[in-house]
Structure formats: C-alpha cells, structure tokens
PDB file of N, CA and C in Angstrom:
ATOM      1  N   UNK A   1       0.858  -1.186  -0.186  1.00  0.00           N
ATOM      2  CA  UNK A   1       0.031   0.217   0.006  1.00  0.00           C
ATOM      3  C   UNK A   1       0.892   1.277   0.063  1.00  0.00           C
ATOM      4  N   UNK A   2       0.573   2.267  -1.094  1.00  0.00           N
ATOM      5  CA  UNK A   2       1.615   3.501  -0.783  1.00  0.00           C
ATOM      6  C   UNK A   2       1.460   4.581   0.495  1.00  0.00           C
ATOM      7  N   UNK A   3       2.458   5.072   0.444  1.00  0.00           N
ATOM      8  CA  UNK A   3       2.260   5.760   1.761  1.00  0.00           C
ATOM      9  C   UNK A   3       1.393   6.758   1.801  1.00  0.00           C
ATOM     10  N   UNK A   4       0.845   7.220   0.802  1.00  0.00           N
ATOM     11  CA  UNK A   4       0.034   8.152   0.578  1.00  0.00           C
ATOM     12  C   UNK A   4      -1.534   7.851   1.190  1.00  0.00           C
ATOM     13  N   UNK A   5      -1.603   6.757   1.031  1.00  0.00           N
ATOM     14  CA  UNK A   5      -2.788   5.818   1.936  1.00  0.00           C
ATOM     15  C   UNK A   5      -2.994   5.692   3.164  1.00  0.00           C
ATOM     16  N   UNK A   6      -1.821   6.479   3.917  1.00  0.00           N
ATOM     17  CA  UNK A   6      -1.560   6.343   5.314  1.00  0.00           C
ATOM     18  C   UNK A   6      -2.017   8.094   5.707  1.00  0.00           C
ATOM     19  N   UNK A   7      -3.049   7.977   6.990  1.00  0.00           N
ATOM     20  CA  UNK A   7      -4.195   9.290   7.273  1.00  0.00           C
ATOM     21  C   UNK A   7      -2.832   9.908   7.866  1.00  0.00           C
ATOM     22  N   UNK A   8      -3.080  10.957   8.385  1.00  0.00           N
ATOM     23  CA  UNK A   8      -2.394  12.135   8.864  1.00  0.00           C
ATOM     24  C   UNK A   8      -2.691  12.349  10.236  1.00  0.00           C
ATOM     25  N   UNK A   9      -3.697  11.415  10.796  1.00  0.00           N
ATOM     26  CA  UNK A   9      -4.154  11.313  12.257  1.00  0.00           C
ATOM     27  C   UNK A   9      -4.063  10.142  12.525  1.00  0.00           C
ATOM     28  N   UNK A  10      -4.383  10.494  14.113  1.00  0.00           N
ATOM     29  CA  UNK A  10      -4.335   9.398  14.642  1.00  0.00           C
ATOM     30  C   UNK A  10      -5.651   8.617  14.938  1.00  0.00           C
ATOM     31  N   UNK A  11      -6.073   6.994  15.424  1.00  0.00           N
ATOM     32  CA  UNK A  11      -7.098   6.482  15.672  1.00  0.00           C
ATOM     33  C   UNK A  11      -7.255   7.220  16.759  1.00  0.00           C
ATOM     34  N   UNK A  12      -8.929   7.486  16.720  1.00  0.00           N
ATOM     35  CA  UNK A  12      -9.798   7.583  17.650  1.00  0.00           C
ATOM     36  C   UNK A  12      -9.874   7.191  18.594  1.00  0.00           C
ATOM     37  N   UNK A  13      -9.804   5.782  18.311  1.00  0.00           N
ATOM     38  CA  UNK A  13      -9.708   4.415  19.322  1.00  0.00           C
ATOM     39  C   UNK A  13      -8.739   4.428  20.253  1.00  0.00           C
ATOM     40  N   UNK A  14      -7.824   4.272  19.877  1.00  0.00           N
ATOM     41  CA  UNK A  14      -6.270   3.704  20.219  1.00  0.00           C
ATOM     42  C   UNK A  14      -5.227   4.642  20.241  1.00  0.00           C
ATOM     43  N   UNK A  15      -5.612   5.731  19.422  1.00  0.00           N
ATOM     44  CA  UNK A  15      -4.318   6.602  19.348  1.00  0.00           C
ATOM     45  C   UNK A  15      -3.280   6.215  18.379  1.00  0.00           C
ATOM     46  N   UNK A  16      -2.961   5.317  17.820  1.00  0.00           N
ATOM     47  CA  UNK A  16      -2.171   4.493  16.757  1.00  0.00           C
ATOM     48  C   UNK A  16      -2.158   5.493  15.514  1.00  0.00           C
ATOM     49  N   UNK A  17      -0.784   5.292  15.148  1.00  0.00           N
ATOM     50  CA  UNK A  17      -0.557   6.355  13.794  1.00  0.00           C
ATOM     51  C   UNK A  17      -0.925   5.558  12.855  1.00  0.00           C
ATOM     52  N   UNK A  18      -1.118   4.027  13.107  1.00  0.00           N
ATOM     53  CA  UNK A  18      -1.251   2.933  11.846  1.00  0.00           C
ATOM     54  C   UNK A  18      -2.411   2.730  11.451  1.00  0.00           C
ATOM     55  N   UNK A  19      -2.736   3.826  10.494  1.00  0.00           N
ATOM     56  CA  UNK A  19      -4.260   3.858  10.043  1.00  0.00           C
ATOM     57  C   UNK A  19      -4.080   4.461   8.654  1.00  0.00           C
ATOM     58  N   UNK A  20      -4.862   3.482   7.848  1.00  0.00           N
ATOM     59  CA  UNK A  20      -4.773   3.513   6.118  1.00  0.00           C
ATOM     60  C   UNK A  20      -6.032   3.672   5.923  1.00  0.00           C
ATOM     61  N   UNK A  21      -6.257   4.418   4.427  1.00  0.00           N
ATOM     62  CA  UNK A  21      -7.256   4.032   3.617  1.00  0.00           C
ATOM     63  C   UNK A  21      -7.394   2.806   3.002  1.00  0.00           C
ATOM     64  N   UNK A  22      -8.613   2.171   3.266  1.00  0.00           N
ATOM     65  CA  UNK A  22      -8.727   0.993   2.800  1.00  0.00           C
ATOM     66  C   UNK A  22      -9.690   1.188   1.448  1.00  0.00           C
ATOM     67  N   UNK A  23     -10.251   2.378   1.335  1.00  0.00           N
ATOM     68  CA  UNK A  23     -11.184   2.584  -0.182  1.00  0.00           C
ATOM     69  C   UNK A  23     -11.885   3.260  -0.013  1.00  0.00           C
ATOM     70  N   UNK A  24     -12.085   4.323  -1.115  1.00  0.00           N
ATOM     71  CA  UNK A  24     -13.343   5.478  -0.598  1.00  0.00           C
ATOM     72  C   UNK A  24     -12.957   6.496   0.367  1.00  0.00           C
ATOM     73  N   UNK A  25     -13.884   6.660   1.290  1.00  0.00           N
ATOM     74  CA  UNK A  25     -13.476   7.585   2.449  1.00  0.00           C
ATOM     75  C   UNK A  25     -13.431   6.608   3.786  1.00  0.00           C
ATOM     76  N   UNK A  26     -12.959   5.405   3.311  1.00  0.00           N
ATOM     77  CA  UNK A  26     -12.998   4.764   5.015  1.00  0.00           C
ATOM     78  C   UNK A  26     -11.456   4.242   5.039  1.00  0.00           C
ATOM     79  N   UNK A  27     -10.964   4.556   6.510  1.00  0.00           N
ATOM     80  CA  UNK A  27     -10.083   4.198   7.181  1.00  0.00           C
ATOM     81  C   UNK A  27      -9.980   3.182   8.027  1.00  0.00           C
ATOM     82  N   UNK A  28      -8.849   2.232   7.745  1.00  0.00           N
ATOM     83  CA  UNK A  28      -8.686   1.570   9.201  1.00  0.00           C
ATOM     84  C   UNK A  28      -7.591   1.101   9.835  1.00  0.00           C
ATOM     85  N   UNK A  29      -7.391   1.221  11.195  1.00  0.00           N
ATOM     86  CA  UNK A  29      -6.736   1.380  11.963  1.00  0.00           C
ATOM     87  C   UNK A  29      -6.176  -0.223  12.322  1.00  0.00           C
ATOM     88  N   UNK A  30      -4.721  -0.280  11.770  1.00  0.00           N
ATOM     89  CA  UNK A  30      -3.982  -1.785  11.614  1.00  0.00           C
ATOM     90  C   UNK A  30      -3.792  -2.355  13.240  1.00  0.00           C
ATOM     91  N   UNK A  31      -3.822  -1.404  14.188  1.00  0.00           N
ATOM     92  CA  UNK A  31      -3.347  -1.710  15.345  1.00  0.00           C
ATOM     93  C   UNK A  31      -4.546  -2.179  16.029  1.00  0.00           C
ATOM     94  N   UNK A  32      -5.949  -1.886  15.995  1.00  0.00           N
ATOM     95  CA  UNK A  32      -7.389  -2.374  16.609  1.00  0.00           C
ATOM     96  C   UNK A  32      -8.009  -2.391  15.750  1.00  0.00           C
ATOM     97  N   UNK A  33      -8.056  -2.662  14.495  1.00  0.00           N
ATOM     98  CA  UNK A  33      -8.722  -2.921  13.595  1.00  0.00           C
ATOM     99  C   UNK A  33     -10.074  -1.823  13.377  1.00  0.00           C
ATOM    100  N   UNK A  34     -10.392  -0.859  13.883  1.00  0.00           N
ATOM    101  CA  UNK A  34     -11.411   0.445  14.009  1.00  0.00           C
ATOM    102  C   UNK A  34     -11.513   0.959  12.830  1.00  0.00           C
ATOM    103  N   UNK A  35     -12.588   0.782  12.375  1.00  0.00           N
ATOM    104  CA  UNK A  35     -12.936   1.345  10.780  1.00  0.00           C
ATOM    105  C   UNK A  35     -13.254   2.876  11.079  1.00  0.00           C
ATOM    106  N   UNK A  36     -12.800   3.957  10.467  1.00  0.00           N
ATOM    107  CA  UNK A  36     -13.340   5.278  10.604  1.00  0.00           C
ATOM    108  C   UNK A  36     -13.438   5.775   9.406  1.00  0.00           C
ATOM    109  N   UNK A  37     -14.775   6.321   9.356  1.00  0.00           N
ATOM    110  CA  UNK A  37     -15.170   6.804   8.360  1.00  0.00           C
ATOM    111  C   UNK A  37     -14.863   8.669   8.070  1.00  0.00           C
ATOM    112  N   UNK A  38     -14.205   9.181   7.052  1.00  0.00           N
ATOM    113  CA  UNK A  38     -13.378  10.239   6.950  1.00  0.00           C
ATOM    114  C   UNK A  38     -14.500  11.354   7.242  1.00  0.00           C
ATOM    115  N   UNK A  39     -16.016  11.458   6.450  1.00  0.00           N
ATOM    116  CA  UNK A  39     -16.582  11.997   6.868  1.00  0.00           C
ATOM    117  C   UNK A  39     -17.280  12.219   7.827  1.00  0.00           C
ATOM    118  N   UNK A  40     -17.485  11.274   8.747  1.00  0.00           N
ATOM    119  CA  UNK A  40     -17.919  11.579   9.926  1.00  0.00           C
ATOM    120  C   UNK A  40     -16.660  12.061  10.701  1.00  0.00           C
ATOM    121  N   UNK A  41     -15.509  11.470  10.783  1.00  0.00           N
ATOM    122  CA  UNK A  41     -13.942  12.191  11.091  1.00  0.00           C
ATOM    123  C   UNK A  41     -13.929  14.125  11.177  1.00  0.00           C
ATOM    124  N   UNK A  42     -14.064  14.231   9.747  1.00  0.00           N
ATOM    125  CA  UNK A  42     -14.307  15.637   9.092  1.00  0.00           C
ATOM    126  C   UNK A  42     -15.254  16.571  10.249  1.00  0.00           C
ATOM    127  N   UNK A  43     -16.648  16.330  10.725  1.00  0.00           N
ATOM    128  CA  UNK A  43     -17.900  16.642  11.520  1.00  0.00           C
ATOM    129  C   UNK A  43     -17.711  16.325  12.621  1.00  0.00           C
ATOM    130  N   UNK A  44     -17.063  15.699  12.867  1.00  0.00           N
ATOM    131  CA  UNK A  44     -16.782  15.015  14.446  1.00  0.00           C
ATOM    132  C   UNK A  44     -17.486  15.687  15.684  1.00  0.00           C
ATOM    133  N   UNK A  45     -16.934  16.869  15.455  1.00  0.00           N
ATOM    134  CA  UNK A  45     -16.851  18.184  16.773  1.00  0.00           C
ATOM    135  C   UNK A  45     -18.426  18.774  16.948  1.00  0.00           C
ATOM    136  N   UNK A  46     -19.330  18.739  15.544  1.00  0.00           N
ATOM    137  CA  UNK A  46     -20.399  19.096  15.235  1.00  0.00           C
ATOM    138  C   UNK A  46     -21.484  17.981  15.775  1.00  0.00           C
ATOM    139  N   UNK A  47     -20.633  16.672  15.375  1.00  0.00           N
ATOM    140  CA  UNK A  47     -21.266  15.634  15.901  1.00  0.00           C
ATOM    141  C   UNK A  47     -21.412  15.210  17.542  1.00  0.00           C
ATOM    142  N   UNK A  48     -20.288  15.741  17.776  1.00  0.00           N
ATOM    143  CA  UNK A  48     -20.391  15.533  19.507  1.00  0.00           C
ATOM    144  C   UNK A  48     -21.044  16.268  20.157  1.00  0.00           C
ATOM    145  N   UNK A  49     -20.699  17.642  19.447  1.00  0.00           N
ATOM    146  CA  UNK A  49     -22.192  18.805  20.076  1.00  0.00           C
ATOM    147  C   UNK A  49     -23.637  18.307  19.926  1.00  0.00           C
ATOM    148  N   UNK A  50     -23.910  17.629  19.108  1.00  0.00           N
ATOM    149  CA  UNK A  50     -25.264  17.171  18.986  1.00  0.00           C
ATOM    150  C   UNK A  50     -25.817  16.032  19.655  1.00  0.00           C
ATOM    151  N   UNK A  51     -24.855  15.130  20.126  1.00  0.00           N
ATOM    152  CA  UNK A  51     -24.823  14.027  20.525  1.00  0.00           C
ATOM    153  C   UNK A  51     -24.972  14.395  22.343  1.00  0.00           C
ATOM    154  N   UNK A  52     -24.966  15.347  22.641  1.00  0.00           N
ATOM    155  CA  UNK A  52     -25.009  16.068  24.321  1.00  0.00           C
ATOM    156  C   UNK A  52     -26.491  16.243  24.238  1.00  0.00           C
ATOM    157  N   UNK A  53     -27.576  16.191  23.337  1.00  0.00           N
ATOM    158  CA  UNK A  53     -28.988  16.442  23.360  1.00  0.00           C
ATOM    159  C   UNK A  53     -29.653  15.511  23.582  1.00  0.00           C
ATOM    160  N   UNK A  54     -30.825  15.320  24.449  1.00  0.00           N
ATOM    161  CA  UNK A  54     -31.383  14.431  24.835  1.00  0.00           C
ATOM    162  C   UNK A  54     -32.343  13.935  24.332  1.00  0.00           C
ATOM    163  N   UNK A  55     -32.342  13.670  23.333  1.00  0.00           N
ATOM    164  CA  UNK A  55     -33.929  13.605  21.847  1.00  0.00           C
ATOM    165  C   UNK A  55     -33.024  12.829  20.952  1.00  0.00           C
ATOM    166  N   UNK A  56     -33.756  13.133  19.985  1.00  0.00           N
ATOM    167  CA  UNK A  56     -33.994  11.583  18.694  1.00  0.00           C
ATOM    168  C   UNK A  56     -32.422  12.361  17.626  1.00  0.00           C
ATOM    169  N   UNK A  57     -32.460  13.403  17.759  1.00  0.00           N
ATOM    170  CA  UNK A  57     -31.020  14.314  17.363  1.00  0.00           C
ATOM    171  C   UNK A  57     -29.869  13.639  17.504  1.00  0.00           C
ATOM    172  N   UNK A  58     -29.365  14.119  19.040  1.00  0.00           N
ATOM    173  CA  UNK A  58     -28.769  13.494  20.122  1.00  0.00           C
ATOM    174  C   UNK A  58     -28.364  12.010  19.999  1.00  0.00           C
ATOM    175  N   UNK A  59     -29.233  11.413  19.971  1.00  0.00           N
ATOM    176  CA  UNK A  59     -29.241   9.503  19.771  1.00  0.00           C
ATOM    177  C   UNK A  59     -28.694   9.382  18.422  1.00  0.00           C
ATOM    178  N   UNK A  60     -28.710   9.765  17.210  1.00  0.00           N
ATOM    179  CA  UNK A  60     -28.643   9.838  15.732  1.00  0.00           C
ATOM    180  C   UNK A  60     -27.054  10.235  15.710  1.00  0.00           C
ATOM    181  N   UNK A  61     -26.887  11.048  16.466  1.00  0.00           N
ATOM    182  CA  UNK A  61     -25.360  11.788  16.265  1.00  0.00           C
ATOM    183  C   UNK A  61     -24.525  10.853  17.290  1.00  0.00           C
ATOM    184  N   UNK A  62     -24.940  10.336  18.259  1.00  0.00           N
ATOM    185  CA  UNK A  62     -24.002   9.523  19.055  1.00  0.00           C
ATOM    186  C   UNK A  62     -23.767   7.919  18.284  1.00  0.00           C
ATOM    187  N   UNK A  63     -25.044   7.633  17.496  1.00  0.00           N
ATOM    188  CA  UNK A  63     -24.704   6.783  16.644  1.00  0.00           C
ATOM    189  C   UNK A  63     -23.876   6.604  15.369  1.00  0.00           C
ATOM    190  N   UNK A  64     -23.802   7.772  14.646  1.00  0.00           N
ATOM    191  CA  UNK A  64     -23.190   8.339  13.581  1.00  0.00           C
ATOM    192  C   UNK A  64     -21.703   7.608  14.189  1.00  0.00           C
ATOM    193  N   UNK A  65     -21.452   8.487  15.137  1.00  0.00           N
ATOM    194  CA  UNK A  65     -20.001   8.645  16.153  1.00  0.00           C
ATOM    195  C   UNK A  65     -19.296   7.367  16.163  1.00  0.00           C
ATOM    196  N   UNK A  66     -20.574   6.357  16.671  1.00  0.00           N
ATOM    197  CA  UNK A  66     -19.727   4.947  17.009  1.00  0.00           C
ATOM    198  C   UNK A  66     -19.519   4.520  15.822  1.00  0.00           C
ATOM    199  N   UNK A  67     -20.369   4.066  14.833  1.00  0.00           N
ATOM    200  CA  UNK A  67     -20.312   4.166  13.410  1.00  0.00           C
ATOM    201  C   UNK A  67     -18.946   4.084  12.808  1.00  0.00           C
ATOM    202  N   UNK A  68     -18.675   5.922  13.072  1.00  0.00           N
ATOM    203  CA  UNK A  68     -17.405   6.262  12.220  1.00  0.00           C
ATOM    204  C   UNK A  68     -16.372   5.616  13.032  1.00  0.00           C
ATOM    205  N   UNK A  69     -16.533   5.268  13.872  1.00  0.00           N
ATOM    206  CA  UNK A  69     -14.964   4.755  15.411  1.00  0.00           C
ATOM    207  C   UNK A  69     -14.774   5.644  15.972  1.00  0.00           C
ATOM    208  N   UNK A  70     -16.000   6.628  16.304  1.00  0.00           N
ATOM    209  CA  UNK A  70     -15.143   7.872  17.347  1.00  0.00           C
ATOM    210  C   UNK A  70     -16.391   7.637  18.348  1.00  0.00           C
ATOM    211  N   UNK A  71     -15.380   7.102  19.733  1.00  0.00           N
ATOM    212  CA  UNK A  71     -16.630   7.392  21.174  1.00  0.00           C
ATOM    213  C   UNK A  71     -16.963   8.845  20.988  1.00  0.00           C
ATOM    214  N   UNK A  72     -18.622   9.021  21.082  1.00  0.00           N
ATOM    215  CA  UNK A  72     -18.944  10.358  21.998  1.00  0.00           C
ATOM    216  C   UNK A  72     -18.369  10.359  22.970  1.00  0.00           C
ATOM    217  N   UNK A  73     -18.004  11.875  23.663  1.00  0.00           N
ATOM    218  CA  UNK A  73     -18.115  12.278  24.998  1.00  0.00           C
ATOM    219  C   UNK A  73     -18.557  12.234  26.218  1.00  0.00           C
TER     220      UNK A  73
END
C-alpha cells in the first residue's frame, strides 16, 4: 500500500498512527482494527455537540460517531 494511503491523523480509538485508507472514504487502524469514516471524522466536533442533546437528534449523532469509529464524549 502506498504511503499516501496513510492517514495524517491518529486512530480516535487507540491513538495509533497505523491508520490507512481501505477504500473510498473509509480508513482502518491496523493496530485495533477500528474502521473510521472520513466524513464522520471531518464533522466529529459538530456531531459531539449534537450527541449531548437528549432527543432523537442526539441519539442519531451518537450512533454516527460510534459507526464512524469515534466514541461520543
């Protein structure tokens, strides 16, 4: 795999730098196996804020963060 396929950020789950593009906008951490979706990572701050809500929007934002490999705070 080309070095350009390596992410320039660490895994949000285990902090490993062994994160590589698996295809499209999906990255995978080679240390913990977590899949990270680029579009969710790009908007993670907004999703974190929405996840704090105690309604359906908050629940959906939390699910998106978990699906994207990012644990809600």
